[in-house]
PDB file of all heavy atoms in Angstrom:
ATOM      1  N   SER A   1      16.644   6.388 -12.215  1.00  0.00           N
ATOM      2  CA  SER A   1      17.977   5.866 -12.468  1.00  0.00           C
ATOM      3  C   SER A   1      19.014   6.578 -11.676  1.00  0.00           C
ATOM      4  O   SER A   1      19.107   7.807 -11.518  1.00  0.00           O
ATOM      5  CB  SER A   1      18.326   6.043 -13.994  1.00  0.00           C
ATOM      6  OG  SER A   1      19.728   5.614 -14.233  1.00  0.00           O
ATOM      7  N   LEU A   2      19.870   5.795 -11.057  1.00  0.00           N
ATOM      8  CA  LEU A   2      20.963   6.304 -10.211  1.00  0.00           C
ATOM      9  C   LEU A   2      22.290   5.992 -10.814  1.00  0.00           C
ATOM     10  O   LEU A   2      23.326   6.168 -10.190  1.00  0.00           O
ATOM     11  CB  LEU A   2      20.916   5.739  -8.803  1.00  0.00           C
ATOM     12  CG  LEU A   2      19.649   6.037  -7.981  1.00  0.00           C
ATOM     13  CD1 LEU A   2      19.547   5.169  -6.714  1.00  0.00           C
ATOM     14  CD2 LEU A   2      19.725   7.540  -7.595  1.00  0.00           C
ATOM     15  N   SER A   3      22.296   5.470 -12.109  1.00  0.00           N
ATOM     16  CA  SER A   3      23.543   5.064 -12.646  1.00  0.00           C
ATOM     17  C   SER A   3      24.470   6.139 -12.861  1.00  0.00           C
ATOM     18  O   SER A   3      25.681   6.036 -12.656  1.00  0.00           O
ATOM     19  CB  SER A   3      23.182   4.435 -14.078  1.00  0.00           C
ATOM     20  OG  SER A   3      22.380   3.288 -13.994  1.00  0.00           O
ATOM     21  N   SER A   4      24.028   7.277 -13.342  1.00  0.00           N
ATOM     22  CA  SER A   4      24.867   8.506 -13.510  1.00  0.00           C
ATOM     23  C   SER A   4      25.563   8.916 -12.195  1.00  0.00           C
ATOM     24  O   SER A   4      26.765   9.230 -12.155  1.00  0.00           O
ATOM     25  CB  SER A   4      24.160   9.658 -14.080  1.00  0.00           C
ATOM     26  OG  SER A   4      23.666   9.278 -15.358  1.00  0.00           O
ATOM     27  N   ALA A   5      24.826   8.860 -11.090  1.00  0.00           N
ATOM     28  CA  ALA A   5      25.425   9.268  -9.764  1.00  0.00           C
ATOM     29  C   ALA A   5      26.442   8.262  -9.337  1.00  0.00           C
ATOM     30  O   ALA A   5      27.452   8.622  -8.857  1.00  0.00           O
ATOM     31  CB  ALA A   5      24.229   9.261  -8.761  1.00  0.00           C
ATOM     32  N   TRP A   6      26.298   6.938  -9.600  1.00  0.00           N
ATOM     33  CA  TRP A   6      27.209   6.006  -9.300  1.00  0.00           C
ATOM     34  C   TRP A   6      28.538   6.163 -10.155  1.00  0.00           C
ATOM     35  O   TRP A   6      29.619   6.027  -9.700  1.00  0.00           O
ATOM     36  CB  TRP A   6      26.675   4.590  -9.491  1.00  0.00           C
ATOM     37  CG  TRP A   6      25.914   4.066  -8.309  1.00  0.00           C
ATOM     38  CD1 TRP A   6      24.643   3.967  -8.056  1.00  0.00           C
ATOM     39  CD2 TRP A   6      26.536   3.442  -7.186  1.00  0.00           C
ATOM     40  NE1 TRP A   6      24.302   3.458  -6.857  1.00  0.00           N
ATOM     41  CE2 TRP A   6      25.488   3.086  -6.257  1.00  0.00           C
ATOM     42  CE3 TRP A   6      27.853   3.173  -6.823  1.00  0.00           C
ATOM     43  CZ2 TRP A   6      25.631   2.441  -5.010  1.00  0.00           C
ATOM     44  CZ3 TRP A   6      28.093   2.515  -5.521  1.00  0.00           C
ATOM     45  CH2 TRP A   6      27.053   2.227  -4.647  1.00  0.00           C
ATOM     46  N   LEU A   7      28.288   6.450 -11.438  1.00  0.00           N
ATOM     47  CA  LEU A   7      29.510   6.623 -12.300  1.00  0.00           C
ATOM     48  C   LEU A   7      30.269   7.835 -11.815  1.00  0.00           C
ATOM     49  O   LEU A   7      31.592   7.825 -11.797  1.00  0.00           O
ATOM     50  CB  LEU A   7      28.974   6.851 -13.753  1.00  0.00           C
ATOM     51  CG  LEU A   7      28.682   5.571 -14.583  1.00  0.00           C
ATOM     52  CD1 LEU A   7      28.042   5.960 -15.935  1.00  0.00           C
ATOM     53  CD2 LEU A   7      29.973   4.862 -14.799  1.00  0.00           C
ATOM     54  N   ALA A   8      29.594   8.952 -11.504  1.00  0.00           N
ATOM     55  CA  ALA A   8      30.304  10.112 -11.008  1.00  0.00           C
ATOM     56  C   ALA A   8      31.031   9.849  -9.744  1.00  0.00           C
ATOM     57  O   ALA A   8      32.219  10.296  -9.542  1.00  0.00           O
ATOM     58  CB  ALA A   8      29.313  11.291 -10.923  1.00  0.00           C
ATOM     59  N   ALA A   9      30.455   9.104  -8.751  1.00  0.00           N
ATOM     60  CA  ALA A   9      31.014   8.849  -7.544  1.00  0.00           C
ATOM     61  C   ALA A   9      32.253   7.939  -7.594  1.00  0.00           C
ATOM     62  O   ALA A   9      33.228   8.125  -6.867  1.00  0.00           O
ATOM     63  CB  ALA A   9      29.983   8.345  -6.475  1.00  0.00           C
ATOM     64  N   SER A  10      32.139   6.921  -8.423  1.00  0.00           N
ATOM     65  CA  SER A  10      33.155   5.927  -8.573  1.00  0.00           C
ATOM     66  C   SER A  10      34.272   6.305  -9.558  1.00  0.00           C
ATOM     67  O   SER A  10      35.321   5.631  -9.457  1.00  0.00           O
ATOM     68  CB  SER A  10      32.495   4.587  -9.015  1.00  0.00           C
ATOM     69  OG  SER A  10      32.010   4.719 -10.345  1.00  0.00           O
ATOM     70  N   GLN A  11      33.966   7.241 -10.529  1.00  0.00           N
ATOM     71  CA  GLN A  11      34.971   7.616 -11.546  1.00  0.00           C
ATOM     72  C   GLN A  11      35.323   6.403 -12.355  1.00  0.00           C
ATOM     73  O   GLN A  11      36.499   6.294 -12.795  1.00  0.00           O
ATOM     74  CB  GLN A  11      36.157   8.330 -10.951  1.00  0.00           C
ATOM     75  CG  GLN A  11      35.819   9.664 -10.291  1.00  0.00           C
ATOM     76  CD  GLN A  11      37.099  10.359  -9.817  1.00  0.00           C
ATOM     77  OE1 GLN A  11      37.994   9.786  -9.290  1.00  0.00           O
ATOM     78  NE2 GLN A  11      37.068  11.699  -9.981  1.00  0.00           N
ATOM     79  N   ALA A  12      34.407   5.513 -12.535  1.00  0.00           N
ATOM     80  CA  ALA A  12      34.681   4.229 -13.272  1.00  0.00           C
ATOM     81  C   ALA A  12      34.763   4.530 -14.781  1.00  0.00           C
ATOM     82  O   ALA A  12      34.080   5.450 -15.358  1.00  0.00           O
ATOM     83  CB  ALA A  12      33.512   3.209 -13.051  1.00  0.00           C
ATOM     84  N   GLN A  13      35.556   3.721 -15.529  1.00  0.00           N
ATOM     85  CA  GLN A  13      35.654   3.826 -16.884  1.00  0.00           C
ATOM     86  C   GLN A  13      34.464   3.152 -17.565  1.00  0.00           C
ATOM     87  O   GLN A  13      34.041   3.604 -18.760  1.00  0.00           O
ATOM     88  CB  GLN A  13      36.878   3.140 -17.419  1.00  0.00           C
ATOM     89  CG  GLN A  13      38.259   4.008 -17.110  1.00  0.00           C
ATOM     90  CD  GLN A  13      39.437   3.390 -17.700  1.00  0.00           C
ATOM     91  OE1 GLN A  13      39.494   2.141 -17.879  1.00  0.00           O
ATOM     92  NE2 GLN A  13      40.379   4.175 -18.078  1.00  0.00           N
ATOM     93  N   ARG A  14      33.994   2.106 -16.968  1.00  0.00           N
ATOM     94  CA  ARG A  14      32.950   1.300 -17.656  1.00  0.00           C
ATOM     95  C   ARG A  14      31.839   0.999 -16.667  1.00  0.00           C
ATOM     96  O   ARG A  14      32.152   0.897 -15.370  1.00  0.00           O
ATOM     97  CB  ARG A  14      33.544   0.072 -18.266  1.00  0.00           C
ATOM     98  CG  ARG A  14      34.547   0.227 -19.298  1.00  0.00           C
ATOM     99  CD  ARG A  14      35.123  -1.065 -19.848  1.00  0.00           C
ATOM    100  NE  ARG A  14      35.701  -1.962 -18.837  1.00  0.00           N
ATOM    101  CZ  ARG A  14      36.255  -3.152 -19.184  1.00  0.00           C
ATOM    102  NH1 ARG A  14      36.368  -3.538 -20.332  1.00  0.00           N
ATOM    103  NH2 ARG A  14      36.841  -3.832 -18.123  1.00  0.00           N
ATOM    104  N   LEU A  15      30.663   0.721 -17.090  1.00  0.00           N
ATOM    105  CA  LEU A  15      29.508   0.371 -16.131  1.00  0.00           C
ATOM    106  C   LEU A  15      28.829  -0.893 -16.764  1.00  0.00           C
ATOM    107  O   LEU A  15      28.636  -1.037 -17.989  1.00  0.00           O
ATOM    108  CB  LEU A  15      28.552   1.558 -16.212  1.00  0.00           C
ATOM    109  CG  LEU A  15      27.167   1.176 -15.648  1.00  0.00           C
ATOM    110  CD1 LEU A  15      27.191   0.787 -14.144  1.00  0.00           C
ATOM    111  CD2 LEU A  15      26.123   2.313 -15.814  1.00  0.00           C
ATOM    112  N   PHE A  16      28.689  -1.885 -15.845  1.00  0.00           N
ATOM    113  CA  PHE A  16      27.959  -3.137 -16.181  1.00  0.00           C
ATOM    114  C   PHE A  16      26.823  -3.343 -15.222  1.00  0.00           C
ATOM    115  O   PHE A  16      26.855  -2.873 -14.056  1.00  0.00           O
ATOM    116  CB  PHE A  16      28.998  -4.318 -16.163  1.00  0.00           C
ATOM    117  CG  PHE A  16      30.174  -4.095 -16.921  1.00  0.00           C
ATOM    118  CD1 PHE A  16      31.437  -4.006 -16.275  1.00  0.00           C
ATOM    119  CD2 PHE A  16      30.165  -4.059 -18.239  1.00  0.00           C
ATOM    120  CE1 PHE A  16      32.622  -3.835 -17.010  1.00  0.00           C
ATOM    121  CE2 PHE A  16      31.324  -3.919 -19.043  1.00  0.00           C
ATOM    122  CZ  PHE A  16      32.578  -3.796 -18.336  1.00  0.00           C
ATOM    123  N   HIS A  17      25.804  -4.057 -15.652  1.00  0.00           N
ATOM    124  CA  HIS A  17      24.607  -4.357 -14.859  1.00  0.00           C
ATOM    125  C   HIS A  17      24.647  -5.937 -14.565  1.00  0.00           C
ATOM    126  O   HIS A  17      24.790  -6.694 -15.401  1.00  0.00           O
ATOM    127  CB  HIS A  17      23.348  -3.884 -15.509  1.00  0.00           C
ATOM    128  CG  HIS A  17      23.186  -2.430 -15.519  1.00  0.00           C
ATOM    129  ND1 HIS A  17      22.737  -1.701 -14.435  1.00  0.00           N
ATOM    130  CD2 HIS A  17      23.494  -1.550 -16.468  1.00  0.00           C
ATOM    131  CE1 HIS A  17      22.698  -0.438 -14.705  1.00  0.00           C
ATOM    132  NE2 HIS A  17      23.159  -0.270 -16.000  1.00  0.00           N
ATOM    133  N   TRP A  18      24.365  -6.253 -13.300  1.00  0.00           N
ATOM    134  CA  TRP A  18      24.216  -7.629 -12.914  1.00  0.00           C
ATOM    135  C   TRP A  18      22.760  -7.695 -12.311  1.00  0.00           C
ATOM    136  O   TRP A  18      22.571  -7.399 -11.170  1.00  0.00           O
ATOM    137  CB  TRP A  18      25.216  -7.977 -11.841  1.00  0.00           C
ATOM    138  CG  TRP A  18      25.266  -9.511 -11.489  1.00  0.00           C
ATOM    139  CD1 TRP A  18      24.325 -10.416 -11.660  1.00  0.00           C
ATOM    140  CD2 TRP A  18      26.356 -10.185 -10.863  1.00  0.00           C
ATOM    141  NE1 TRP A  18      24.687 -11.637 -11.150  1.00  0.00           N
ATOM    142  CE2 TRP A  18      25.939 -11.561 -10.772  1.00  0.00           C
ATOM    143  CE3 TRP A  18      27.693  -9.776 -10.469  1.00  0.00           C
ATOM    144  CZ2 TRP A  18      26.803 -12.484 -10.198  1.00  0.00           C
ATOM    145  CZ3 TRP A  18      28.492 -10.768 -10.071  1.00  0.00           C
ATOM    146  CH2 TRP A  18      28.070 -12.104  -9.796  1.00  0.00           C
ATOM    147  N   ARG A  19      21.840  -8.146 -13.101  1.00  0.00           N
ATOM    148  CA  ARG A  19      20.472  -8.216 -12.725  1.00  0.00           C
ATOM    149  C   ARG A  19      20.173  -9.632 -12.026  1.00  0.00           C
ATOM    150  O   ARG A  19      20.901 -10.619 -12.363  1.00  0.00           O
ATOM    151  CB  ARG A  19      19.497  -8.183 -13.959  1.00  0.00           C
ATOM    152  CG  ARG A  19      19.559  -6.773 -14.539  1.00  0.00           C
ATOM    153  CD  ARG A  19      18.992  -6.803 -15.969  1.00  0.00           C
ATOM    154  NE  ARG A  19      19.795  -7.592 -16.882  1.00  0.00           N
ATOM    155  CZ  ARG A  19      19.477  -7.883 -18.066  1.00  0.00           C
ATOM    156  NH1 ARG A  19      18.339  -7.489 -18.556  1.00  0.00           N
ATOM    157  NH2 ARG A  19      20.258  -8.635 -18.838  1.00  0.00           N
ATOM    158  N   ALA A  20      19.329  -9.628 -11.149  1.00  0.00           N
ATOM    159  CA  ALA A  20      18.947 -10.840 -10.342  1.00  0.00           C
ATOM    160  C   ALA A  20      18.540 -11.984 -11.248  1.00  0.00           C
ATOM    161  O   ALA A  20      17.708 -11.809 -12.245  1.00  0.00           O
ATOM    162  CB  ALA A  20      17.854 -10.564  -9.307  1.00  0.00           C
ATOM    163  N   ASP A  21      19.046 -13.157 -11.052  1.00  0.00           N
ATOM    164  CA  ASP A  21      18.717 -14.341 -11.817  1.00  0.00           C
ATOM    165  C   ASP A  21      19.028 -14.304 -13.238  1.00  0.00           C
ATOM    166  O   ASP A  21      18.361 -15.001 -14.042  1.00  0.00           O
ATOM    167  CB  ASP A  21      17.158 -14.664 -11.546  1.00  0.00           C
ATOM    168  CG  ASP A  21      16.866 -14.801 -10.054  1.00  0.00           C
ATOM    169  OD1 ASP A  21      17.633 -15.374  -9.353  1.00  0.00           O
ATOM    170  OD2 ASP A  21      15.726 -14.350  -9.715  1.00  0.00           O
ATOM    171  N   HIS A  22      19.907 -13.508 -13.618  1.00  0.00           N
ATOM    172  CA  HIS A  22      20.274 -13.398 -15.098  1.00  0.00           C
ATOM    173  C   HIS A  22      21.693 -14.032 -15.255  1.00  0.00           C
ATOM    174  O   HIS A  22      22.736 -13.425 -15.065  1.00  0.00           O
ATOM    175  CB  HIS A  22      20.353 -11.918 -15.520  1.00  0.00           C
ATOM    176  CG  HIS A  22      19.018 -11.433 -15.976  1.00  0.00           C
ATOM    177  ND1 HIS A  22      17.945 -11.287 -15.123  1.00  0.00           N
ATOM    178  CD2 HIS A  22      18.634 -11.052 -17.260  1.00  0.00           C
ATOM    179  CE1 HIS A  22      16.941 -10.804 -15.877  1.00  0.00           C
ATOM    180  NE2 HIS A  22      17.309 -10.655 -17.148  1.00  0.00           N
ATOM    181  N   ILE A  23      21.671 -15.330 -15.581  1.00  0.00           N
ATOM    182  CA  ILE A  23      22.900 -16.024 -15.775  1.00  0.00           C
ATOM    183  C   ILE A  23      23.658 -15.411 -16.985  1.00  0.00           C
ATOM    184  O   ILE A  23      24.911 -15.395 -16.917  1.00  0.00           O
ATOM    185  CB  ILE A  23      22.623 -17.585 -16.050  1.00  0.00           C
ATOM    186  CG1 ILE A  23      23.998 -18.291 -16.066  1.00  0.00           C
ATOM    187  CG2 ILE A  23      21.847 -17.768 -17.379  1.00  0.00           C
ATOM    188  CD1 ILE A  23      24.796 -18.264 -14.941  1.00  0.00           C
ATOM    189  N   GLN A  24      23.003 -14.792 -17.951  1.00  0.00           N
ATOM    190  CA  GLN A  24      23.709 -14.146 -19.077  1.00  0.00           C
ATOM    191  C   GLN A  24      24.519 -13.057 -18.576  1.00  0.00           C
ATOM    192  O   GLN A  24      25.650 -12.836 -19.130  1.00  0.00           O
ATOM    193  CB  GLN A  24      22.660 -13.646 -20.074  1.00  0.00           C
ATOM    194  CG  GLN A  24      21.807 -14.689 -20.628  1.00  0.00           C
ATOM    195  CD  GLN A  24      20.461 -14.879 -19.926  1.00  0.00           C
ATOM    196  OE1 GLN A  24      20.356 -14.532 -18.789  1.00  0.00           O
ATOM    197  NE2 GLN A  24      19.473 -15.379 -20.663  1.00  0.00           N
ATOM    198  N   ASP A  25      24.141 -12.343 -17.481  1.00  0.00           N
ATOM    199  CA  ASP A  25      24.981 -11.276 -16.979  1.00  0.00           C
ATOM    200  C   ASP A  25      26.175 -11.804 -16.328  1.00  0.00           C
ATOM    201  O   ASP A  25      27.299 -11.165 -16.437  1.00  0.00           O
ATOM    202  CB  ASP A  25      24.110 -10.405 -15.944  1.00  0.00           C
ATOM    203  CG  ASP A  25      23.028  -9.597 -16.653  1.00  0.00           C
ATOM    204  OD1 ASP A  25      22.985  -9.615 -17.899  1.00  0.00           O
ATOM    205  OD2 ASP A  25      22.179  -9.010 -15.920  1.00  0.00           O
ATOM    206  N   VAL A  26      26.031 -12.825 -15.595  1.00  0.00           N
ATOM    207  CA  VAL A  26      27.211 -13.455 -14.954  1.00  0.00           C
ATOM    208  C   VAL A  26      28.238 -13.938 -15.962  1.00  0.00           C
ATOM    209  O   VAL A  26      29.433 -13.719 -15.789  1.00  0.00           O
ATOM    210  CB  VAL A  26      26.822 -14.644 -14.011  1.00  0.00           C
ATOM    211  CG1 VAL A  26      28.050 -15.264 -13.270  1.00  0.00           C
ATOM    212  CG2 VAL A  26      25.682 -14.289 -13.045  1.00  0.00           C
ATOM    213  N   MET A  27      27.742 -14.567 -17.037  1.00  0.00           N
ATOM    214  CA  MET A  27      28.681 -15.079 -18.082  1.00  0.00           C
ATOM    215  C   MET A  27      29.297 -13.870 -18.760  1.00  0.00           C
ATOM    216  O   MET A  27      30.449 -13.891 -19.218  1.00  0.00           O
ATOM    217  CB  MET A  27      27.923 -15.922 -19.080  1.00  0.00           C
ATOM    218  CG  MET A  27      27.415 -17.223 -18.482  1.00  0.00           C
ATOM    219  SD  MET A  27      28.779 -18.222 -17.695  1.00  0.00           S
ATOM    220  CE  MET A  27      29.869 -18.432 -19.043  1.00  0.00           C
TER     221      MET A  27
END
């Protein structure tokens, strides 16, 4: 997992995932 590294680098408040071919994620 690289999620923690991305959060630290971006200083984002929230994290979301957009998985391939997951229309539920887009909605």
